[in-house]
N, C-alpha and C. Protein backbone atom coordinates (compact mmCIF):
# COMPACT_ATOMS: atom_id res chain seq x y z
N MET A 1 -155.83 8.92 -31.54
CA MET A 1 -154.80 7.94 -31.80
C MET A 1 -153.65 8.11 -30.84
N ALA A 2 -153.37 9.36 -30.43
CA ALA A 2 -152.31 9.60 -29.47
C ALA A 2 -152.65 8.91 -28.16
N LEU A 3 -153.92 8.90 -27.83
CA LEU A 3 -154.35 8.26 -26.60
C LEU A 3 -154.10 6.76 -26.68
N ASP A 4 -154.31 6.16 -27.85
CA ASP A 4 -154.08 4.73 -28.00
C ASP A 4 -152.59 4.38 -27.86
N SER A 5 -151.71 5.20 -28.44
CA SER A 5 -150.28 4.90 -28.32
C SER A 5 -149.82 5.14 -26.88
N GLU A 6 -150.41 6.09 -26.19
CA GLU A 6 -150.06 6.33 -24.79
C GLU A 6 -150.50 5.14 -23.96
N LYS A 7 -151.72 4.63 -24.22
CA LYS A 7 -152.21 3.45 -23.51
C LYS A 7 -151.33 2.25 -23.83
N ALA A 8 -150.91 2.16 -25.06
CA ALA A 8 -150.07 1.03 -25.46
C ALA A 8 -148.74 1.09 -24.72
N GLY A 9 -148.18 2.28 -24.55
CA GLY A 9 -146.92 2.44 -23.81
C GLY A 9 -147.07 2.03 -22.36
N ILE A 10 -148.19 2.41 -21.76
CA ILE A 10 -148.46 2.05 -20.36
C ILE A 10 -148.62 0.55 -20.24
N LEU A 11 -149.39 -0.02 -21.15
CA LEU A 11 -149.60 -1.47 -21.12
C LEU A 11 -148.28 -2.22 -21.35
N ASP A 12 -147.43 -1.67 -22.23
CA ASP A 12 -146.14 -2.31 -22.52
C ASP A 12 -145.27 -2.33 -21.26
N ARG A 13 -145.28 -1.22 -20.53
CA ARG A 13 -144.47 -1.15 -19.31
C ARG A 13 -145.03 -2.07 -18.23
N LEU A 14 -146.33 -2.28 -18.24
CA LEU A 14 -146.94 -3.14 -17.24
C LEU A 14 -146.84 -4.61 -17.61
N SER A 15 -146.63 -4.91 -18.85
CA SER A 15 -146.53 -6.31 -19.25
C SER A 15 -145.21 -6.89 -18.76
N PRO A 16 -145.17 -8.19 -18.50
CA PRO A 16 -143.94 -8.82 -18.02
C PRO A 16 -142.77 -8.62 -19.00
N ASP A 17 -143.00 -8.69 -20.30
CA ASP A 17 -141.91 -8.51 -21.26
C ASP A 17 -141.37 -7.07 -21.22
N GLY A 18 -142.26 -6.10 -21.12
CA GLY A 18 -141.86 -4.69 -21.04
C GLY A 18 -141.07 -4.42 -19.77
N GLN A 19 -141.49 -5.03 -18.67
CA GLN A 19 -140.79 -4.85 -17.40
C GLN A 19 -139.41 -5.49 -17.45
N LYS A 20 -139.33 -6.64 -18.12
CA LYS A 20 -138.03 -7.30 -18.27
C LYS A 20 -137.07 -6.42 -19.06
N ALA A 21 -137.59 -5.79 -20.12
CA ALA A 21 -136.74 -4.93 -20.95
C ALA A 21 -136.26 -3.72 -20.14
N LEU A 22 -137.16 -3.09 -19.38
CA LEU A 22 -136.78 -1.95 -18.55
C LEU A 22 -135.79 -2.37 -17.46
N LEU A 23 -136.04 -3.53 -16.87
CA LEU A 23 -135.15 -4.03 -15.84
C LEU A 23 -133.77 -4.31 -16.42
N GLY A 24 -133.72 -4.89 -17.62
CA GLY A 24 -132.45 -5.15 -18.29
C GLY A 24 -131.68 -3.87 -18.57
N GLN A 25 -132.41 -2.83 -19.04
CA GLN A 25 -131.76 -1.55 -19.31
C GLN A 25 -131.22 -0.94 -18.01
N GLU A 26 -131.98 -1.05 -16.95
CA GLU A 26 -131.54 -0.50 -15.66
C GLU A 26 -130.32 -1.25 -15.15
N ILE A 27 -130.28 -2.57 -15.31
CA ILE A 27 -129.13 -3.37 -14.88
C ILE A 27 -127.89 -2.98 -15.69
N LEU A 28 -128.05 -2.77 -16.99
CA LEU A 28 -126.92 -2.33 -17.82
C LEU A 28 -126.40 -0.96 -17.37
N ARG A 29 -127.33 -0.05 -17.09
CA ARG A 29 -126.95 1.29 -16.65
C ARG A 29 -126.19 1.21 -15.32
N LEU A 30 -126.70 0.39 -14.40
CA LEU A 30 -126.03 0.24 -13.11
C LEU A 30 -124.66 -0.42 -13.26
N GLY A 31 -124.54 -1.34 -14.20
CA GLY A 31 -123.26 -1.99 -14.47
C GLY A 31 -122.23 -0.97 -14.97
N ARG A 32 -122.67 -0.09 -15.89
CA ARG A 32 -121.76 0.95 -16.40
C ARG A 32 -121.34 1.90 -15.27
N GLU A 33 -122.27 2.26 -14.41
CA GLU A 33 -121.96 3.14 -13.28
C GLU A 33 -120.97 2.47 -12.33
N GLN A 34 -121.17 1.15 -12.12
CA GLN A 34 -120.27 0.42 -11.23
C GLN A 34 -118.86 0.38 -11.82
N GLU A 35 -118.74 0.15 -13.11
CA GLU A 35 -117.43 0.16 -13.76
C GLU A 35 -116.75 1.51 -13.61
N SER A 36 -117.53 2.56 -13.80
CA SER A 36 -117.00 3.91 -13.66
C SER A 36 -116.53 4.16 -12.23
N LEU A 37 -117.34 3.73 -11.26
CA LEU A 37 -116.96 3.90 -9.85
C LEU A 37 -115.73 3.07 -9.51
N ASN A 38 -115.64 1.86 -10.05
CA ASN A 38 -114.46 1.03 -9.80
C ASN A 38 -113.21 1.70 -10.33
N GLY A 39 -113.30 2.29 -11.53
CA GLY A 39 -112.15 3.01 -12.09
C GLY A 39 -111.76 4.19 -11.21
N ALA A 40 -112.77 4.92 -10.71
CA ALA A 40 -112.50 6.05 -9.82
C ALA A 40 -111.87 5.58 -8.52
N LEU A 41 -112.33 4.43 -8.00
CA LEU A 41 -111.76 3.90 -6.76
C LEU A 41 -110.31 3.48 -6.95
N VAL A 42 -110.00 2.89 -8.10
CA VAL A 42 -108.61 2.49 -8.39
C VAL A 42 -107.73 3.74 -8.44
N ALA A 43 -108.19 4.79 -9.13
CA ALA A 43 -107.43 6.04 -9.22
C ALA A 43 -107.27 6.66 -7.84
N LEU A 44 -108.33 6.63 -7.05
CA LEU A 44 -108.27 7.19 -5.71
C LEU A 44 -107.30 6.39 -4.85
N GLY A 45 -107.32 5.07 -5.00
CA GLY A 45 -106.38 4.23 -4.25
C GLY A 45 -104.94 4.55 -4.59
N ALA A 46 -104.65 4.75 -5.89
CA ALA A 46 -103.29 5.10 -6.31
C ALA A 46 -102.90 6.46 -5.74
N ALA A 47 -103.83 7.40 -5.75
CA ALA A 47 -103.55 8.73 -5.20
C ALA A 47 -103.28 8.65 -3.70
N VAL A 48 -104.05 7.84 -2.99
CA VAL A 48 -103.85 7.68 -1.55
C VAL A 48 -102.49 7.04 -1.28
N GLU A 49 -102.11 6.04 -2.07
CA GLU A 49 -100.80 5.40 -1.91
C GLU A 49 -99.68 6.42 -2.13
N GLY A 50 -99.82 7.25 -3.16
CA GLY A 50 -98.82 8.28 -3.43
C GLY A 50 -98.74 9.28 -2.28
N LEU A 51 -99.88 9.67 -1.76
CA LEU A 51 -99.92 10.59 -0.63
C LEU A 51 -99.29 9.96 0.61
N GLN A 52 -99.59 8.69 0.84
CA GLN A 52 -99.01 8.00 1.99
C GLN A 52 -97.49 7.91 1.86
N ALA A 53 -96.99 7.67 0.65
CA ALA A 53 -95.54 7.63 0.43
C ALA A 53 -94.92 8.99 0.68
N ALA A 54 -95.57 10.05 0.20
CA ALA A 54 -95.05 11.41 0.41
C ALA A 54 -95.04 11.76 1.89
N VAL A 55 -96.12 11.43 2.60
CA VAL A 55 -96.18 11.70 4.04
C VAL A 55 -95.11 10.89 4.76
N GLY A 56 -94.93 9.63 4.36
CA GLY A 56 -93.89 8.80 4.97
C GLY A 56 -92.51 9.38 4.76
N SER A 57 -92.24 9.87 3.56
CA SER A 57 -90.95 10.49 3.26
C SER A 57 -90.75 11.75 4.10
N LEU A 58 -91.80 12.55 4.21
CA LEU A 58 -91.73 13.76 5.03
C LEU A 58 -91.50 13.42 6.49
N GLU A 59 -92.20 12.40 6.97
CA GLU A 59 -92.02 11.99 8.37
C GLU A 59 -90.60 11.49 8.62
N GLU A 60 -90.04 10.76 7.65
CA GLU A 60 -88.65 10.30 7.78
C GLU A 60 -87.70 11.48 7.83
N ALA A 61 -87.93 12.46 6.95
CA ALA A 61 -87.07 13.65 6.93
C ALA A 61 -87.18 14.41 8.25
N LEU A 62 -88.40 14.53 8.77
CA LEU A 62 -88.59 15.22 10.05
C LEU A 62 -87.92 14.45 11.18
N ALA A 63 -88.01 13.12 11.12
CA ALA A 63 -87.38 12.29 12.14
C ALA A 63 -85.87 12.45 12.11
N ARG A 64 -85.33 12.67 10.92
CA ARG A 64 -83.88 12.89 10.79
C ARG A 64 -83.52 14.34 11.12
N GLY A 65 -84.50 15.17 11.32
CA GLY A 65 -84.24 16.56 11.67
C GLY A 65 -83.80 17.43 10.51
N GLN A 66 -84.18 17.11 9.31
CA GLN A 66 -83.78 17.91 8.15
C GLN A 66 -84.59 19.19 8.09
N ARG A 67 -83.90 20.28 7.73
CA ARG A 67 -84.54 21.57 7.53
C ARG A 67 -84.10 22.12 6.18
N PHE A 68 -85.05 22.62 5.43
CA PHE A 68 -84.75 23.22 4.12
C PHE A 68 -84.18 24.63 4.34
N PHE A 69 -83.26 25.03 3.45
CA PHE A 69 -82.79 26.41 3.48
C PHE A 69 -82.65 26.92 2.05
N ALA A 70 -82.79 28.21 1.90
CA ALA A 70 -82.50 28.93 0.65
C ALA A 70 -81.97 30.29 1.07
N ARG A 71 -80.72 30.57 0.72
CA ARG A 71 -80.08 31.81 1.14
C ARG A 71 -79.41 32.49 -0.05
N THR A 72 -79.38 33.81 -0.01
CA THR A 72 -78.76 34.60 -1.07
C THR A 72 -77.73 35.53 -0.46
N GLY A 73 -76.59 35.62 -1.13
CA GLY A 73 -75.53 36.54 -0.73
C GLY A 73 -75.05 37.33 -1.92
N ILE A 74 -74.38 38.44 -1.67
CA ILE A 74 -73.84 39.30 -2.73
C ILE A 74 -72.32 39.29 -2.64
N VAL A 75 -71.67 39.06 -3.77
CA VAL A 75 -70.21 39.07 -3.84
C VAL A 75 -69.79 40.22 -4.74
N ARG A 76 -68.84 41.02 -4.27
CA ARG A 76 -68.31 42.13 -5.06
C ARG A 76 -67.02 41.69 -5.72
N ALA A 77 -66.84 42.03 -6.97
CA ALA A 77 -65.68 41.59 -7.75
C ALA A 77 -64.36 41.94 -7.07
N ALA A 78 -64.24 43.16 -6.58
CA ALA A 78 -62.99 43.62 -5.97
C ALA A 78 -62.70 42.93 -4.64
N GLU A 79 -63.73 42.30 -4.03
CA GLU A 79 -63.57 41.63 -2.74
C GLU A 79 -63.80 40.12 -2.85
N ALA A 80 -63.80 39.60 -4.06
CA ALA A 80 -64.17 38.20 -4.28
C ALA A 80 -63.21 37.22 -3.62
N GLY A 81 -61.99 37.64 -3.32
CA GLY A 81 -61.03 36.75 -2.66
C GLY A 81 -61.33 36.56 -1.18
N SER A 82 -62.25 37.33 -0.64
CA SER A 82 -62.66 37.19 0.76
C SER A 82 -63.98 36.43 0.82
N ARG A 83 -64.08 35.53 1.77
CA ARG A 83 -65.28 34.70 1.89
C ARG A 83 -66.52 35.51 2.21
N VAL A 84 -67.63 35.12 1.59
CA VAL A 84 -68.94 35.68 1.91
C VAL A 84 -69.81 34.52 2.39
N ALA A 85 -70.35 34.64 3.59
CA ALA A 85 -71.18 33.57 4.14
C ALA A 85 -72.56 33.60 3.47
N ILE A 86 -72.90 32.48 2.85
CA ILE A 86 -74.23 32.32 2.27
C ILE A 86 -75.14 31.68 3.31
N LEU A 87 -74.66 30.62 3.93
CA LEU A 87 -75.37 29.96 5.04
C LEU A 87 -74.43 30.03 6.24
N PRO A 88 -74.67 30.96 7.18
CA PRO A 88 -73.79 31.10 8.34
C PRO A 88 -73.78 29.85 9.21
N GLU A 89 -72.64 29.61 9.84
CA GLU A 89 -72.49 28.44 10.71
C GLU A 89 -73.50 28.44 11.85
N GLY A 90 -73.90 29.63 12.30
CA GLY A 90 -74.84 29.75 13.40
C GLY A 90 -76.22 29.15 13.12
N GLU A 91 -76.52 28.91 11.85
CA GLU A 91 -77.82 28.33 11.51
C GLU A 91 -77.83 26.80 11.63
N LEU A 92 -76.66 26.22 11.85
CA LEU A 92 -76.58 24.77 12.01
C LEU A 92 -76.57 24.42 13.49
N GLY A 93 -77.27 23.37 13.83
CA GLY A 93 -77.28 22.90 15.21
C GLY A 93 -76.06 22.02 15.48
N ALA A 94 -75.93 21.60 16.70
CA ALA A 94 -74.81 20.73 17.08
C ALA A 94 -74.84 19.44 16.26
N GLY A 95 -73.72 19.10 15.68
CA GLY A 95 -73.59 17.86 14.92
C GLY A 95 -74.23 17.88 13.54
N GLN A 96 -74.71 19.04 13.09
CA GLN A 96 -75.38 19.11 11.79
C GLN A 96 -74.43 19.51 10.67
N LYS A 97 -74.83 19.13 9.44
CA LYS A 97 -74.08 19.46 8.23
C LYS A 97 -75.02 20.14 7.24
N ALA A 98 -74.44 20.93 6.35
CA ALA A 98 -75.21 21.58 5.28
C ALA A 98 -75.05 20.77 4.01
N TYR A 99 -76.17 20.53 3.33
CA TYR A 99 -76.19 19.77 2.08
C TYR A 99 -76.81 20.63 0.98
N PRO A 100 -75.99 21.32 0.20
CA PRO A 100 -76.58 22.10 -0.90
C PRO A 100 -77.07 21.16 -1.99
N VAL A 101 -78.24 21.46 -2.55
CA VAL A 101 -78.76 20.64 -3.65
C VAL A 101 -78.92 21.44 -4.93
N GLY A 102 -78.72 22.75 -4.84
CA GLY A 102 -78.81 23.58 -6.04
C GLY A 102 -78.32 24.98 -5.76
N PHE A 103 -78.03 25.71 -6.83
CA PHE A 103 -77.59 27.09 -6.70
C PHE A 103 -77.77 27.80 -8.02
N PHE A 104 -77.77 29.12 -7.97
CA PHE A 104 -77.73 29.92 -9.19
C PHE A 104 -77.04 31.24 -8.90
N LEU A 105 -76.34 31.74 -9.90
CA LEU A 105 -75.60 32.98 -9.81
C LEU A 105 -76.02 33.87 -10.97
N VAL A 106 -76.11 35.17 -10.71
CA VAL A 106 -76.46 36.11 -11.76
C VAL A 106 -75.90 37.48 -11.38
N LEU A 107 -75.37 38.20 -12.36
CA LEU A 107 -74.87 39.54 -12.11
C LEU A 107 -76.03 40.50 -11.88
N ALA A 108 -75.82 41.42 -10.94
CA ALA A 108 -76.85 42.41 -10.64
C ALA A 108 -76.68 43.65 -11.52
N GLY A 109 -75.75 43.62 -12.45
CA GLY A 109 -75.50 44.77 -13.32
C GLY A 109 -75.05 44.31 -14.70
N GLU A 110 -74.41 45.20 -15.41
CA GLU A 110 -74.04 44.94 -16.82
C GLU A 110 -72.54 44.82 -17.06
N VAL A 111 -71.73 44.68 -15.99
CA VAL A 111 -70.28 44.63 -16.16
C VAL A 111 -69.77 43.23 -15.80
N ALA A 112 -69.16 42.56 -16.78
CA ALA A 112 -68.60 41.22 -16.56
C ALA A 112 -67.41 41.29 -15.61
N TRP A 113 -67.11 40.18 -14.95
CA TRP A 113 -65.95 40.12 -14.05
C TRP A 113 -64.69 39.95 -14.88
N THR A 114 -63.78 40.91 -14.79
CA THR A 114 -62.53 40.87 -15.56
C THR A 114 -61.39 41.45 -14.73
N GLY A 115 -60.16 41.22 -15.23
CA GLY A 115 -58.96 41.78 -14.60
C GLY A 115 -58.69 41.18 -13.24
N GLY A 116 -57.66 41.70 -12.59
CA GLY A 116 -57.28 41.19 -11.28
C GLY A 116 -56.62 39.84 -11.37
N VAL A 117 -56.55 39.15 -10.25
CA VAL A 117 -55.86 37.85 -10.20
C VAL A 117 -56.83 36.67 -10.11
N GLY A 118 -58.10 36.92 -10.00
CA GLY A 118 -59.08 35.84 -9.86
C GLY A 118 -59.38 35.14 -11.17
N SER A 119 -59.64 33.83 -11.09
CA SER A 119 -60.01 33.07 -12.29
C SER A 119 -61.19 32.13 -12.04
N ARG A 120 -61.43 31.77 -10.77
CA ARG A 120 -62.51 30.84 -10.44
C ARG A 120 -63.18 31.30 -9.14
N ILE A 121 -64.46 30.92 -9.03
CA ILE A 121 -65.21 31.17 -7.80
C ILE A 121 -65.61 29.81 -7.26
N PHE A 122 -65.53 29.67 -5.95
CA PHE A 122 -65.83 28.39 -5.32
C PHE A 122 -67.04 28.52 -4.39
N LEU A 123 -67.91 27.55 -4.47
CA LEU A 123 -68.98 27.36 -3.50
C LEU A 123 -68.43 26.27 -2.58
N ALA A 124 -68.19 26.62 -1.31
CA ALA A 124 -67.50 25.69 -0.42
C ALA A 124 -68.11 25.74 0.96
N ASP A 125 -67.70 24.76 1.80
CA ASP A 125 -68.14 24.87 3.18
C ASP A 125 -67.31 25.96 3.85
N SER A 126 -67.70 26.36 5.04
CA SER A 126 -67.11 27.54 5.66
C SER A 126 -65.80 27.27 6.40
N GLY A 127 -65.19 26.13 6.17
CA GLY A 127 -63.89 25.87 6.77
C GLY A 127 -62.84 26.85 6.24
N ILE A 128 -61.73 26.96 6.93
CA ILE A 128 -60.68 27.92 6.54
C ILE A 128 -60.09 27.56 5.19
N ASP A 129 -59.92 26.29 4.94
CA ASP A 129 -59.33 25.86 3.66
C ASP A 129 -60.43 25.51 2.66
N LEU A 130 -60.01 25.21 1.44
CA LEU A 130 -60.98 24.87 0.39
C LEU A 130 -61.04 23.36 0.14
N ILE A 131 -60.92 22.57 1.19
CA ILE A 131 -60.96 21.12 1.03
C ILE A 131 -62.36 20.68 0.60
N TYR A 132 -63.39 21.20 1.26
CA TYR A 132 -64.76 20.80 0.96
C TYR A 132 -65.39 21.83 0.04
N ARG A 133 -65.19 21.62 -1.25
CA ARG A 133 -65.81 22.49 -2.25
C ARG A 133 -67.00 21.76 -2.83
N PHE A 134 -68.07 22.50 -3.06
CA PHE A 134 -69.25 21.92 -3.69
C PHE A 134 -69.22 22.12 -5.20
N ALA A 135 -68.71 23.28 -5.61
CA ALA A 135 -68.64 23.59 -7.04
C ALA A 135 -67.61 24.68 -7.27
N SER A 136 -67.07 24.70 -8.48
CA SER A 136 -66.22 25.82 -8.89
C SER A 136 -66.76 26.35 -10.21
N ILE A 137 -66.70 27.68 -10.34
CA ILE A 137 -67.27 28.35 -11.52
C ILE A 137 -66.17 29.19 -12.15
N GLU A 138 -65.95 28.98 -13.43
CA GLU A 138 -64.95 29.77 -14.14
C GLU A 138 -65.43 31.22 -14.25
N ALA A 139 -64.53 32.15 -13.96
CA ALA A 139 -64.89 33.57 -13.97
C ALA A 139 -65.34 34.04 -15.36
N ARG A 140 -64.84 33.40 -16.40
CA ARG A 140 -65.19 33.83 -17.77
C ARG A 140 -66.69 33.73 -18.06
N VAL A 141 -67.43 32.88 -17.30
CA VAL A 141 -68.86 32.73 -17.56
C VAL A 141 -69.71 33.73 -16.77
N ILE A 142 -69.05 34.51 -15.91
CA ILE A 142 -69.80 35.49 -15.12
C ILE A 142 -69.92 36.75 -15.97
N ALA A 143 -70.98 36.79 -16.73
CA ALA A 143 -71.21 37.87 -17.69
C ALA A 143 -72.67 38.32 -17.60
N PRO A 144 -72.93 39.56 -18.01
CA PRO A 144 -74.31 40.05 -17.99
C PRO A 144 -75.26 39.14 -18.78
N GLY A 145 -76.42 38.92 -18.23
CA GLY A 145 -77.43 38.11 -18.91
C GLY A 145 -77.22 36.62 -18.79
N THR A 146 -76.19 36.19 -18.07
CA THR A 146 -75.92 34.76 -17.90
C THR A 146 -76.46 34.30 -16.55
N PHE A 147 -77.30 33.32 -16.59
CA PHE A 147 -77.89 32.72 -15.40
C PHE A 147 -77.15 31.41 -15.17
N ILE A 148 -76.32 31.36 -14.15
CA ILE A 148 -75.43 30.21 -13.93
C ILE A 148 -76.07 29.24 -12.93
N THR A 149 -76.17 27.98 -13.35
CA THR A 149 -76.74 26.90 -12.53
C THR A 149 -75.75 25.74 -12.51
N PRO A 150 -76.03 24.68 -11.73
CA PRO A 150 -75.11 23.54 -11.71
C PRO A 150 -74.84 22.92 -13.09
N SER A 151 -75.76 23.07 -14.03
CA SER A 151 -75.57 22.45 -15.35
C SER A 151 -75.00 23.41 -16.39
N SER A 152 -74.62 24.61 -15.97
CA SER A 152 -74.10 25.61 -16.92
C SER A 152 -72.68 25.28 -17.36
N GLU A 153 -72.32 25.80 -18.52
CA GLU A 153 -70.95 25.69 -19.02
C GLU A 153 -70.03 26.43 -18.05
N GLY A 154 -68.85 25.88 -17.81
CA GLY A 154 -67.89 26.52 -16.92
C GLY A 154 -68.07 26.19 -15.46
N VAL A 155 -69.05 25.32 -15.15
CA VAL A 155 -69.30 24.92 -13.76
C VAL A 155 -68.79 23.49 -13.58
N THR A 156 -67.99 23.27 -12.54
CA THR A 156 -67.51 21.93 -12.20
C THR A 156 -68.10 21.58 -10.84
N LEU A 157 -68.84 20.48 -10.80
CA LEU A 157 -69.43 20.01 -9.55
C LEU A 157 -68.48 19.04 -8.87
N GLU A 158 -68.32 19.20 -7.58
CA GLU A 158 -67.44 18.34 -6.80
C GLU A 158 -68.27 17.22 -6.16
N ALA A 159 -67.59 16.19 -5.66
CA ALA A 159 -68.26 15.03 -5.06
C ALA A 159 -69.14 15.43 -3.89
N GLU A 160 -68.72 16.42 -3.11
CA GLU A 160 -69.51 16.84 -1.95
C GLU A 160 -70.90 17.32 -2.37
N PHE A 161 -71.01 17.85 -3.57
CA PHE A 161 -72.30 18.27 -4.10
C PHE A 161 -72.99 17.12 -4.82
N GLY A 162 -72.30 16.54 -5.80
CA GLY A 162 -72.89 15.51 -6.66
C GLY A 162 -73.31 14.26 -5.93
N LEU A 163 -72.57 13.89 -4.89
CA LEU A 163 -72.89 12.67 -4.13
C LEU A 163 -73.66 12.98 -2.85
N ALA A 164 -74.03 14.24 -2.67
CA ALA A 164 -74.78 14.68 -1.48
C ALA A 164 -74.05 14.32 -0.19
N VAL A 165 -72.73 14.50 -0.20
CA VAL A 165 -71.91 14.24 0.98
C VAL A 165 -72.09 15.37 2.00
N GLY A 166 -72.32 16.57 1.50
CA GLY A 166 -72.48 17.72 2.38
C GLY A 166 -71.14 18.25 2.83
N GLY A 167 -71.19 19.30 3.63
CA GLY A 167 -69.97 19.90 4.16
C GLY A 167 -69.54 19.22 5.43
N ARG A 168 -68.58 19.83 6.09
CA ARG A 168 -68.12 19.29 7.36
C ARG A 168 -69.09 19.67 8.48
N VAL A 169 -69.12 18.87 9.51
CA VAL A 169 -70.04 19.09 10.63
C VAL A 169 -69.81 20.49 11.20
N GLY A 170 -70.91 21.22 11.34
CA GLY A 170 -70.87 22.55 11.94
C GLY A 170 -70.49 23.67 10.99
N ASN A 171 -70.11 23.36 9.75
CA ASN A 171 -69.71 24.39 8.80
C ASN A 171 -70.88 24.81 7.93
N GLY A 172 -70.96 26.11 7.67
CA GLY A 172 -71.98 26.64 6.79
C GLY A 172 -71.52 26.57 5.34
N ILE A 173 -72.03 27.48 4.51
CA ILE A 173 -71.66 27.51 3.09
C ILE A 173 -71.22 28.92 2.74
N ASP A 174 -70.05 29.01 2.10
CA ASP A 174 -69.47 30.28 1.69
C ASP A 174 -69.28 30.31 0.18
N ILE A 175 -69.10 31.52 -0.33
CA ILE A 175 -68.68 31.72 -1.71
C ILE A 175 -67.38 32.51 -1.64
N VAL A 176 -66.37 32.09 -2.39
CA VAL A 176 -65.07 32.76 -2.37
C VAL A 176 -64.37 32.50 -3.71
N ALA A 177 -63.59 33.45 -4.15
CA ALA A 177 -62.83 33.28 -5.40
C ALA A 177 -61.37 33.00 -5.06
N ASP A 178 -60.62 32.56 -6.07
CA ASP A 178 -59.19 32.32 -5.87
C ASP A 178 -58.39 33.63 -5.92
N GLY A 179 -59.08 34.74 -6.06
CA GLY A 179 -58.46 36.06 -6.05
C GLY A 179 -59.51 37.09 -6.40
N SER A 180 -59.15 38.36 -6.26
CA SER A 180 -60.09 39.43 -6.56
C SER A 180 -60.03 39.81 -8.03
N PHE A 181 -61.04 40.57 -8.48
CA PHE A 181 -61.14 41.00 -9.87
C PHE A 181 -61.08 42.52 -9.92
N ALA A 182 -60.59 43.04 -11.03
CA ALA A 182 -60.45 44.49 -11.17
C ALA A 182 -61.79 45.18 -11.33
N SER A 183 -62.71 44.53 -12.04
CA SER A 183 -64.01 45.15 -12.25
C SER A 183 -65.09 44.09 -12.41
N GLY A 184 -66.32 44.53 -12.24
CA GLY A 184 -67.46 43.63 -12.40
C GLY A 184 -68.60 44.05 -11.51
N SER A 185 -69.81 43.84 -11.99
CA SER A 185 -71.01 44.14 -11.21
C SER A 185 -71.13 43.15 -10.06
N ASP A 186 -71.89 43.52 -9.05
CA ASP A 186 -72.12 42.63 -7.92
C ASP A 186 -72.74 41.32 -8.42
N LEU A 187 -72.31 40.23 -7.81
CA LEU A 187 -72.79 38.90 -8.18
C LEU A 187 -73.75 38.42 -7.10
N SER A 188 -74.98 38.10 -7.49
CA SER A 188 -75.97 37.55 -6.57
C SER A 188 -75.86 36.03 -6.62
N VAL A 189 -75.67 35.42 -5.44
CA VAL A 189 -75.49 33.97 -5.34
C VAL A 189 -76.59 33.40 -4.43
N THR A 190 -77.39 32.51 -4.95
CA THR A 190 -78.43 31.85 -4.16
C THR A 190 -78.11 30.37 -4.09
N VAL A 191 -78.14 29.83 -2.88
CA VAL A 191 -77.88 28.41 -2.64
C VAL A 191 -79.07 27.86 -1.87
N TYR A 192 -79.50 26.66 -2.23
CA TYR A 192 -80.58 26.02 -1.49
C TYR A 192 -80.24 24.56 -1.24
N GLY A 193 -80.83 24.02 -0.19
CA GLY A 193 -80.55 22.64 0.17
C GLY A 193 -81.19 22.32 1.51
N TYR A 194 -80.53 21.47 2.29
CA TYR A 194 -81.09 21.11 3.59
C TYR A 194 -79.98 20.97 4.62
N ILE A 195 -80.39 21.10 5.87
CA ILE A 195 -79.48 20.96 7.01
C ILE A 195 -79.94 19.72 7.75
N ALA A 196 -79.00 18.86 8.08
CA ALA A 196 -79.34 17.64 8.84
C ALA A 196 -78.20 17.28 9.76
């Protein structure tokens, strides 16, 4: 009997109706595969467009001569009234400006900044005066375990930072306080951005 059902299956596949059914199933399968491939092509097209936009943006930045920087400096509480160069002027080319886009400060020890005559720390361009300030940080927030960023309490962002105006042509980026402090662990200051 198994032989008869096997023969029947062969005859069914050879008959025009059986072939039509198999052909219909194959067409449906191919249709599903085509839909799947079309979806993959749409996703691939979107990915290619995104990649082209990213490459275009990078090419524009390169054409403008932008260079990324990330620099770290150490400020001592007792010397905080003296400027510390985070991004030295020598790293800027002729006619270039520094544009900080982010920063973070953290104490390298367990002693908060207290005493002395200082009350604020400034992230500024390296000019002699404090006209071009990017941010000011209240000294009271410089405490052990505090990670200070642009969005931290006690931080005031200036237009030169918030509007991406950058510093003055040829000036780097310094950190300086309005006075020195009697005590406090070393402060690690990292600034990142671009030069153009």
